[in-house]
Amino acid sequence: MNAYGCLLSLFALAPIKWTLVETCLSITNSTQDSILQRWFPTFSRLISPLIPSKNNKSQGVRDWEDVIEDSLLGLNLIRETEEGDYQFHQLVRKYFRSKLEQMPEAGKLKQSFCKVMVLEAQSLPQSPTKEQVDGIAPSIPHVAEAATELQQWLEDEDLTWPFIGLGRFYEGQGFYKLAEPWLKQCLEASQNRLGENHPSVATSLNNLAGLYKDQGRYSEAEPLYQQALDLWKQLLGENHPSVATSLNNLAGLYKDQGRYSEAEPLYQQALDLWKQLLGENHPSVATSLNNLAGLYKDQGRYSEAEPLYRQALKIAVQQLGENHPNTQTISRNLSTLLDKG
């Protein structure tokens, strides 16, 4: 029971989906020399055959349920929620967390937990659907645990991901005030651990700027976008995809403010860079053409916008298919333009 409790004490004081625990165990048991075998020989022998395999997942799930019922629920260490998740009592969690801290290699288990939370955060796209938001919602308190209490156990390359996932979760629902502190912490954590001149800092600046832009806080977004662009150029050179993306973002900010003369050269630079880096028929080129066409449309320059929309649509259909969301967006934009004409 000590082993079970120590593992579960890493999770936040919130309902726990057992699939997250299984993933933690799978990662932990696959590490060199098997951490659990060195810590908990009896526990490792118990759980090893119970971790669901690709060929026997349903049986593994049933076995896990038996272990939960006999070893955890049976001793009232955790309770089962109406949704079928599991919840630790606060005092029980505190007790097992103190036991965990006495383990000689507790850090390895914390790293495994953090890796699972990073994977959860990475599963949420930049503009999540309601279904995707609802799907990850039960994991959010545990992702937040990795970002805060267990931040030091995140690997450098994973440091920003819990914060990014939390920001996307709240921003995707329009909860900007809840997203902002996570994106600010992301920037601060990146700067503190990785230094001011690091790609993760540029990404963090860009993400925070995007949040401000979505709220119409343009004066706060602009310097952050500019810092991100300058940093990308400094770190990666003038000819890099991240520079093209950053140019596009700054141009979009100017466009939203009606600063068309400032937006146009940036959109054009981004387009030229995408073509240079990825070729004439890449989906990113289609997106860039669509953006420049939208700028022309907003100025009433319809004769200049139409051929760009048509080029963008041709590339999108060819590379992504007619039913892809990006293709459909470009198609709608072209239809709207033609209706105006």
Protein backbone atom coordinates (compact mmCIF):
# COMPACT_ATOMS: atom_id res chain seq x y z
CA MET A 1 0.00 0.00 0.00
CA ASN A 2 2.91 2.31 0.68
CA ALA A 3 3.89 2.15 -2.99
CA TYR A 4 0.39 2.84 -4.27
CA GLY A 5 -0.03 5.76 -1.91
CA CYS A 6 3.33 7.32 -2.74
CA LEU A 7 2.53 7.20 -6.45
CA LEU A 8 -0.95 8.68 -6.08
CA SER A 9 0.28 11.41 -3.74
CA LEU A 10 1.95 13.08 -6.73
CA PHE A 11 -1.43 13.87 -8.22
CA ALA A 12 -3.33 16.99 -7.24
CA LEU A 13 -6.07 16.82 -4.64
CA ALA A 14 -8.67 16.26 -7.35
CA PRO A 15 -10.32 13.30 -9.08
CA ILE A 16 -7.74 11.11 -10.84
CA LYS A 17 -8.39 9.26 -14.07
CA TRP A 18 -6.83 5.85 -13.64
CA THR A 19 -5.50 5.93 -17.20
CA LEU A 20 -3.11 8.68 -16.06
CA VAL A 21 -1.82 6.45 -13.28
CA GLU A 22 -1.35 3.58 -15.72
CA THR A 23 0.63 5.82 -18.04
CA CYS A 24 2.84 6.95 -15.16
CA LEU A 25 3.49 3.34 -14.27
CA SER A 26 4.24 2.42 -17.86
CA ILE A 27 6.79 5.20 -18.21
CA THR A 28 8.32 4.48 -14.81
CA ASN A 29 8.59 0.77 -15.46
CA SER A 30 10.23 1.36 -18.86
CA THR A 31 13.07 3.50 -17.51
CA GLN A 32 16.55 2.10 -17.15
CA ASP A 33 16.87 -0.62 -14.45
CA SER A 34 13.14 -0.18 -13.70
CA ILE A 35 12.77 2.34 -10.90
CA LEU A 36 9.92 0.48 -9.28
CA GLN A 37 11.87 -2.75 -9.17
CA ARG A 38 14.60 -1.02 -7.22
CA TRP A 39 12.20 0.81 -4.91
CA PHE A 40 9.37 -1.60 -4.44
CA PRO A 41 10.25 -5.16 -5.52
CA THR A 42 6.95 -6.63 -4.39
CA PHE A 43 4.96 -3.76 -5.87
CA SER A 44 6.77 -3.97 -9.18
CA ARG A 45 6.15 -7.70 -9.45
CA LEU A 46 2.49 -7.00 -8.75
CA ILE A 47 1.92 -4.22 -11.24
CA SER A 48 4.16 -5.36 -14.10
CA PRO A 49 1.71 -7.92 -15.52
CA LEU A 50 -1.23 -5.59 -14.88
CA ILE A 51 -0.13 -2.66 -17.05
CA PRO A 52 -2.36 -3.00 -20.13
CA SER A 53 -0.51 -4.11 -23.23
CA LYS A 54 -1.51 -3.47 -26.81
CA ASN A 55 -2.53 -7.11 -27.14
CA ASN A 56 -4.40 -7.46 -23.83
CA LYS A 57 -5.67 -4.04 -22.85
CA SER A 58 -9.17 -5.03 -21.80
CA GLN A 59 -7.90 -7.75 -19.44
CA GLY A 60 -5.32 -5.30 -18.04
CA VAL A 61 -8.04 -2.78 -17.29
CA ARG A 62 -10.10 -5.43 -15.50
CA ASP A 63 -7.06 -6.47 -13.47
CA TRP A 64 -6.38 -2.86 -12.50
CA GLU A 65 -9.95 -2.49 -11.33
CA ASP A 66 -9.53 -5.57 -9.13
CA VAL A 67 -6.35 -4.13 -7.61
CA ILE A 68 -8.02 -0.78 -6.97
CA GLU A 69 -11.01 -2.42 -5.32
CA ASP A 70 -9.00 -4.83 -3.15
CA SER A 71 -6.07 -2.60 -2.19
CA LEU A 72 -7.30 0.98 -2.26
CA LEU A 73 -11.07 1.21 -2.04
CA GLY A 74 -11.14 -1.80 0.26
CA LEU A 75 -9.00 0.02 2.82
CA ASN A 76 -10.81 3.34 2.32
CA LEU A 77 -7.59 5.04 1.18
CA ILE A 78 -9.35 6.54 -1.81
CA ARG A 79 -12.95 6.96 -2.88
CA GLU A 80 -14.54 6.46 -6.26
CA THR A 81 -16.41 9.42 -7.77
CA GLU A 82 -19.67 9.25 -9.67
CA GLU A 83 -17.70 9.66 -12.90
CA GLY A 84 -15.62 6.58 -12.14
CA ASP A 85 -12.48 8.51 -11.20
CA TYR A 86 -10.61 8.23 -7.89
CA GLN A 87 -9.94 10.78 -5.17
CA PHE A 88 -7.45 10.82 -2.30
CA HIS A 89 -8.39 12.26 1.08
CA GLN A 90 -6.29 15.32 1.88
CA LEU A 91 -4.70 13.88 5.01
CA VAL A 92 -4.02 10.51 3.39
CA ARG A 93 -2.37 12.25 0.46
CA LYS A 94 -0.24 14.35 2.81
CA TYR A 95 0.89 11.25 4.69
CA PHE A 96 1.94 9.37 1.56
CA ARG A 97 3.64 12.44 0.09
CA SER A 98 5.81 12.61 3.22
CA LYS A 99 6.64 8.92 2.77
CA LEU A 100 7.53 9.54 -0.86
CA GLU A 101 10.01 12.25 0.11
CA GLN A 102 11.92 9.68 2.13
CA MET A 103 12.46 7.46 -0.90
CA PRO A 104 16.07 7.65 -2.16
CA GLU A 105 15.02 8.04 -5.79
CA ALA A 106 11.70 9.80 -5.44
CA GLY A 107 12.82 12.32 -8.06
CA LYS A 108 12.64 9.69 -10.79
CA LEU A 109 8.99 9.03 -10.06
CA LYS A 110 8.30 12.76 -10.03
CA GLN A 111 9.97 13.06 -13.43
CA SER A 112 7.76 10.27 -14.77
CA PHE A 113 4.66 12.02 -13.43
CA CYS A 114 5.73 15.30 -15.03
CA LYS A 115 6.39 13.57 -18.36
CA VAL A 116 2.82 12.22 -18.38
CA MET A 117 1.42 15.68 -17.63
CA VAL A 118 3.51 17.12 -20.46
CA LEU A 119 1.98 14.57 -22.83
CA GLU A 120 -1.47 15.57 -21.62
CA ALA A 121 -0.71 19.27 -22.22
CA GLN A 122 0.69 18.56 -25.67
CA SER A 123 -2.50 16.75 -26.65
CA LEU A 124 -4.43 20.02 -26.61
CA PRO A 125 -4.09 21.94 -29.91
CA GLN A 126 -3.74 25.69 -30.26
CA SER A 127 -7.45 26.20 -30.94
CA PRO A 128 -9.15 23.30 -29.17
CA THR A 129 -12.71 22.19 -29.85
CA LYS A 130 -15.22 21.86 -27.04
CA GLU A 131 -14.84 18.10 -27.23
CA GLN A 132 -11.07 18.37 -26.80
CA VAL A 133 -11.45 20.79 -23.88
CA ASP A 134 -13.95 18.50 -22.17
CA GLY A 135 -11.70 15.51 -22.76
CA ILE A 136 -8.67 17.00 -21.02
CA ALA A 137 -10.56 18.85 -18.26
CA PRO A 138 -10.09 16.08 -15.65
CA SER A 139 -6.31 16.24 -16.18
CA ILE A 140 -6.04 20.01 -15.71
CA PRO A 141 -5.50 20.04 -11.91
CA HIS A 142 -2.72 17.47 -12.31
CA VAL A 143 -1.09 19.38 -15.15
CA ALA A 144 -1.19 22.44 -12.88
CA GLU A 145 0.50 20.36 -10.15
CA ALA A 146 3.38 19.63 -12.54
CA ALA A 147 3.65 23.31 -13.47
CA THR A 148 3.78 24.51 -9.88
CA GLU A 149 4.63 22.07 -7.10
CA LEU A 150 6.73 19.77 -9.30
CA GLN A 151 8.13 22.32 -11.75
CA GLN A 152 11.74 21.52 -10.87
CA TRP A 153 11.23 17.96 -12.10
CA LEU A 154 10.22 19.06 -15.60
CA GLU A 155 13.00 18.58 -18.12
CA ASP A 156 14.23 21.73 -19.85
CA GLU A 157 12.66 20.81 -23.18
CA ASP A 158 9.33 20.18 -21.43
CA LEU A 159 9.34 23.19 -19.11
CA THR A 160 6.86 25.33 -21.04
CA TRP A 161 4.37 22.62 -22.01
CA PRO A 162 2.25 22.40 -18.84
CA PHE A 163 1.86 26.20 -18.88
CA ILE A 164 1.04 26.22 -22.60
CA GLY A 165 -1.55 23.48 -22.13
CA LEU A 166 -3.17 25.32 -19.24
CA GLY A 167 -3.19 28.56 -21.24
CA ARG A 168 -4.80 26.85 -24.23
CA PHE A 169 -7.38 25.17 -22.02
CA TYR A 170 -8.63 28.45 -20.58
CA GLU A 171 -8.03 30.67 -23.60
CA GLY A 172 -9.87 28.20 -25.83
CA GLN A 173 -12.96 28.73 -23.68
CA GLY A 174 -12.60 32.50 -23.64
CA PHE A 175 -11.43 32.53 -20.00
CA TYR A 176 -8.65 35.00 -20.69
CA LYS A 177 -8.20 36.08 -17.07
CA LEU A 178 -7.56 32.46 -16.09
CA ALA A 179 -5.19 31.88 -19.00
CA GLU A 180 -3.06 34.99 -18.42
CA PRO A 181 -1.33 33.99 -15.16
CA TRP A 182 -0.29 30.65 -16.65
CA LEU A 183 1.24 32.28 -19.72
CA LYS A 184 2.98 34.86 -17.54
CA GLN A 185 4.38 32.09 -15.35
CA CYS A 186 5.51 30.30 -18.49
CA LEU A 187 7.56 33.32 -19.53
CA GLU A 188 8.98 33.80 -16.05
CA ALA A 189 9.89 30.13 -15.60
CA SER A 190 11.60 30.05 -19.01
CA GLN A 191 13.62 33.16 -18.31
CA ASN A 192 14.64 32.00 -14.84
CA ARG A 193 15.77 28.53 -15.83
CA LEU A 194 16.85 28.91 -19.45
CA GLY A 195 18.00 32.52 -19.62
CA GLU A 196 16.68 35.50 -21.53
CA ASN A 197 17.97 34.32 -24.91
CA HIS A 198 16.33 30.95 -25.44
CA PRO A 199 13.76 29.67 -27.97
CA SER A 200 11.33 28.82 -25.16
CA VAL A 201 11.41 32.46 -24.08
CA ALA A 202 10.53 33.56 -27.61
CA THR A 203 7.66 31.06 -27.68
CA SER A 204 6.43 32.30 -24.30
CA LEU A 205 6.55 35.93 -25.43
CA ASN A 206 4.60 35.02 -28.56
CA ASN A 207 1.93 33.11 -26.64
CA LEU A 208 1.36 35.89 -24.14
CA ALA A 209 1.18 38.43 -26.96
CA GLY A 210 -1.42 36.28 -28.70
CA LEU A 211 -3.56 36.25 -25.58
CA TYR A 212 -3.41 40.04 -25.35
CA LYS A 213 -4.21 40.38 -29.05
CA ASP A 214 -7.31 38.20 -28.69
CA GLN A 215 -8.54 40.57 -25.99
CA GLY A 216 -7.83 43.69 -28.03
CA ARG A 217 -4.98 44.68 -25.70
CA TYR A 218 -2.88 45.70 -28.67
CA SER A 219 -0.50 48.06 -26.90
CA GLU A 220 0.53 45.25 -24.57
CA ALA A 221 0.77 42.65 -27.33
CA GLU A 222 2.94 44.63 -29.75
CA PRO A 223 6.17 44.87 -27.73
CA LEU A 224 5.95 41.17 -26.87
CA TYR A 225 5.48 40.18 -30.51
CA GLN A 226 8.39 42.42 -31.44
CA GLN A 227 10.62 40.93 -28.75
CA ALA A 228 9.72 37.42 -29.92
CA LEU A 229 10.54 38.31 -33.54
CA ASP A 230 13.87 39.89 -32.61
CA LEU A 231 14.79 36.91 -30.44
CA TRP A 232 13.91 34.38 -33.15
CA LYS A 233 16.10 36.25 -35.62
CA GLN A 234 18.95 36.43 -33.11
CA LEU A 235 18.76 32.74 -32.20
CA LEU A 236 17.82 31.13 -35.51
CA GLY A 237 18.75 33.62 -38.20
CA GLU A 238 16.56 35.54 -40.62
CA ASN A 239 15.51 32.48 -42.63
CA HIS A 240 13.67 30.19 -40.25
CA PRO A 241 10.02 29.04 -40.01
CA SER A 242 9.66 30.58 -36.56
CA VAL A 243 10.66 33.95 -37.99
CA ALA A 244 7.99 33.60 -40.71
CA THR A 245 5.38 32.74 -38.08
CA SER A 246 6.44 35.69 -35.95
CA LEU A 247 6.26 38.07 -38.90
CA ASN A 248 2.77 36.82 -39.63
CA ASN A 249 1.67 37.31 -36.03
CA LEU A 250 2.93 40.88 -35.87
CA ALA A 251 1.32 41.64 -39.22
CA GLY A 252 -1.98 40.26 -37.94
CA LEU A 253 -1.78 42.56 -34.94
CA TYR A 254 -1.29 45.58 -37.21
CA LYS A 255 -4.13 44.43 -39.46
CA ASP A 256 -6.54 44.17 -36.54
CA GLN A 257 -5.76 47.79 -35.67
CA GLY A 258 -6.21 49.00 -39.24
CA ARG A 259 -2.47 49.70 -39.58
CA TYR A 260 -2.49 48.26 -43.07
CA SER A 261 0.64 49.97 -44.39
CA GLU A 262 2.65 48.41 -41.57
CA ALA A 263 1.03 44.98 -41.89
CA GLU A 264 1.51 44.54 -45.64
CA PRO A 265 5.33 44.35 -45.82
CA LEU A 266 5.38 41.90 -42.91
CA TYR A 267 2.78 39.64 -44.55
CA GLN A 268 4.79 39.81 -47.78
CA GLN A 269 8.02 38.95 -45.98
CA ALA A 270 6.35 35.98 -44.31
CA LEU A 271 4.99 34.76 -47.64
CA ASP A 272 8.34 35.06 -49.38
CA LEU A 273 10.05 33.26 -46.50
CA TRP A 274 7.57 30.37 -46.51
CA LYS A 275 8.06 29.93 -50.25
CA GLN A 276 11.83 29.99 -49.85
CA LEU A 277 11.84 27.52 -46.98
CA LEU A 278 9.04 25.13 -47.94
CA GLY A 279 8.39 25.56 -51.63
CA GLU A 280 5.54 27.14 -53.57
CA ASN A 281 2.94 24.47 -52.78
CA HIS A 282 3.09 24.07 -49.02
CA PRO A 283 0.04 24.53 -46.73
CA SER A 284 1.88 27.31 -44.88
CA VAL A 285 2.16 29.18 -48.17
CA ALA A 286 -1.58 28.79 -48.64
CA THR A 287 -2.18 30.24 -45.17
CA SER A 288 0.16 33.13 -45.87
CA LEU A 289 -1.54 33.88 -49.19
CA ASN A 290 -4.90 33.81 -47.42
CA ASN A 291 -3.64 36.30 -44.82
CA LEU A 292 -2.31 38.73 -47.39
CA ALA A 293 -5.52 38.43 -49.40
CA GLY A 294 -7.51 39.20 -46.26
CA LEU A 295 -5.49 42.36 -45.75
CA TYR A 296 -6.27 43.50 -49.30
CA LYS A 297 -9.95 42.63 -48.86
CA ASP A 298 -10.20 44.72 -45.68
CA GLN A 299 -8.89 47.70 -47.67
CA GLY A 300 -11.31 47.15 -50.53
CA ARG A 301 -8.50 46.05 -52.85
CA TYR A 302 -10.62 43.20 -54.21
CA SER A 303 -8.86 42.79 -57.54
CA GLU A 304 -5.58 42.13 -55.68
CA ALA A 305 -7.16 39.85 -53.10
CA GLU A 306 -8.99 37.51 -55.48
CA PRO A 307 -5.98 35.91 -57.24
CA LEU A 308 -4.30 35.33 -53.88
CA TYR A 309 -7.36 33.60 -52.48
CA ARG A 310 -7.55 31.43 -55.59
CA GLN A 311 -3.88 30.48 -55.31
CA ALA A 312 -4.33 29.69 -51.64
CA LEU A 313 -7.40 27.57 -52.32
CA LYS A 314 -5.68 25.61 -55.09
CA ILE A 315 -2.74 24.75 -52.82
CA ALA A 316 -4.99 23.86 -49.89
CA VAL A 317 -7.18 21.54 -51.96
CA GLN A 318 -4.12 19.88 -53.45
CA GLN A 319 -2.21 19.47 -50.20
CA LEU A 320 -4.94 19.16 -47.56
CA GLY A 321 -8.08 18.10 -49.39
CA GLU A 322 -11.42 19.82 -49.85
CA ASN A 323 -12.75 18.94 -46.41
CA HIS A 324 -9.84 20.21 -44.34
CA PRO A 325 -10.76 23.12 -42.01
CA ASN A 326 -8.08 25.37 -43.55
CA THR A 327 -9.35 24.66 -47.05
CA GLN A 328 -12.91 25.43 -46.02
CA THR A 329 -11.83 28.68 -44.37
CA ILE A 330 -10.08 29.87 -47.53
CA SER A 331 -13.06 28.82 -49.63
CA ARG A 332 -15.43 30.84 -47.45
CA ASN A 333 -13.13 33.84 -47.61
CA LEU A 334 -13.10 33.69 -51.41
CA SER A 335 -16.90 33.33 -51.55
CA THR A 336 -17.32 36.35 -49.28
CA LEU A 337 -15.01 38.38 -51.50
CA LEU A 338 -16.90 37.39 -54.66
CA ASP A 339 -20.19 38.36 -53.03
CA LYS A 340 -18.78 41.81 -52.34
CA GLY A 341 -17.68 42.12 -55.94
